[in-house]
Amino acid sequence: MKDTEPITEEQTFAEFRRKIKQAELLSAAMEKLLQSLGFSGRLCVVVQNGQILKSGYEEGYFTRRREARMIP
């Protein structure tokens, strides 16, 4: 793979999943990822004593722009 190849939606989603797993939800980079994916769902963060205990998202909230185009 070349460094000049465009970033695919799969790669962007993989980075999104990595940031969720690593609890990196509160950053400008995460906001950019969410915008590029068209995410309009919920992100959840559980914090106790200043530590992130759990983070996650709800997949059912992704937009369905591509599927809508396929409908005749």
Protein backbone atom coordinates (compact mmCIF):
# COMPACT_ATOMS: atom_id res chain seq x y z
CA MET A 1 0.00 0.00 0.00
CA LYS A 2 1.21 3.48 -0.80
CA ASP A 3 1.00 6.41 1.60
CA THR A 4 -0.69 8.47 -1.12
CA GLU A 5 -3.69 6.13 -1.47
CA PRO A 6 -6.99 7.66 -0.35
CA ILE A 7 -8.35 6.58 3.01
CA THR A 8 -11.33 4.27 2.56
CA GLU A 9 -14.49 4.27 4.62
CA GLU A 10 -13.44 0.89 6.07
CA GLN A 11 -10.15 2.33 7.29
CA THR A 12 -11.95 5.33 8.79
CA PHE A 13 -14.41 3.01 10.56
CA ALA A 14 -11.55 0.86 11.86
CA GLU A 15 -9.91 3.97 13.33
CA PHE A 16 -13.28 4.94 14.86
CA ARG A 17 -13.58 1.51 16.51
CA ARG A 18 -9.99 1.75 17.80
CA LYS A 19 -10.66 5.13 19.39
CA ILE A 20 -13.81 3.78 21.06
CA LYS A 21 -11.88 0.80 22.43
CA GLN A 22 -9.08 3.03 23.72
CA ALA A 23 -11.62 5.49 25.24
CA GLU A 24 -10.38 8.38 23.07
CA LEU A 25 -13.83 9.89 22.61
CA LEU A 26 -13.23 13.45 23.74
CA SER A 27 -10.88 14.80 21.09
CA ALA A 28 -10.96 16.93 17.95
CA ALA A 29 -9.66 13.96 15.95
CA MET A 30 -12.67 11.90 17.04
CA GLU A 31 -15.01 14.69 15.97
CA LYS A 32 -13.42 14.69 12.50
CA LEU A 33 -13.82 10.91 12.26
CA LEU A 34 -17.49 11.16 13.22
CA GLN A 35 -18.09 13.81 10.56
CA SER A 36 -16.31 11.81 7.85
CA LEU A 37 -18.36 8.71 8.70
CA GLY A 38 -21.62 10.64 8.81
CA PHE A 39 -22.26 9.31 12.31
CA SER A 40 -25.36 10.71 13.97
CA GLY A 41 -25.76 8.30 16.85
CA ARG A 42 -24.84 8.05 20.50
CA LEU A 43 -21.46 7.79 22.14
CA CYS A 44 -21.42 6.68 25.77
CA VAL A 45 -18.71 7.32 28.35
CA VAL A 46 -18.81 6.07 31.95
CA VAL A 47 -16.43 7.92 34.27
CA GLN A 48 -15.72 7.16 37.93
CA ASN A 49 -13.17 8.99 40.09
CA GLY A 50 -11.71 10.68 37.01
CA GLN A 51 -11.12 7.43 35.11
CA ILE A 52 -13.00 6.24 32.05
CA LEU A 53 -14.47 2.86 32.98
CA LYS A 54 -16.40 2.15 29.80
CA SER A 55 -17.00 3.69 26.38
CA GLY A 56 -19.15 2.64 23.47
CA TYR A 57 -21.51 3.61 20.68
CA GLU A 58 -24.82 2.52 19.19
CA GLU A 59 -24.44 1.34 15.59
CA GLY A 60 -28.13 1.60 14.75
CA TYR A 61 -27.83 5.36 14.44
CA PHE A 62 -25.76 5.50 11.25
CA THR A 63 -27.40 7.28 8.33
CA ARG A 64 -28.50 5.17 5.39
CA ARG A 65 -27.69 7.53 2.53
CA ARG A 66 -26.23 4.85 0.24
CA GLU A 67 -29.15 2.46 0.76
CA ALA A 68 -31.66 5.22 0.06
CA ARG A 69 -30.02 5.84 -3.32
CA MET A 70 -30.43 2.17 -4.26
CA ILE A 71 -34.21 2.28 -3.87
CA PRO A 72 -35.88 2.71 -7.33
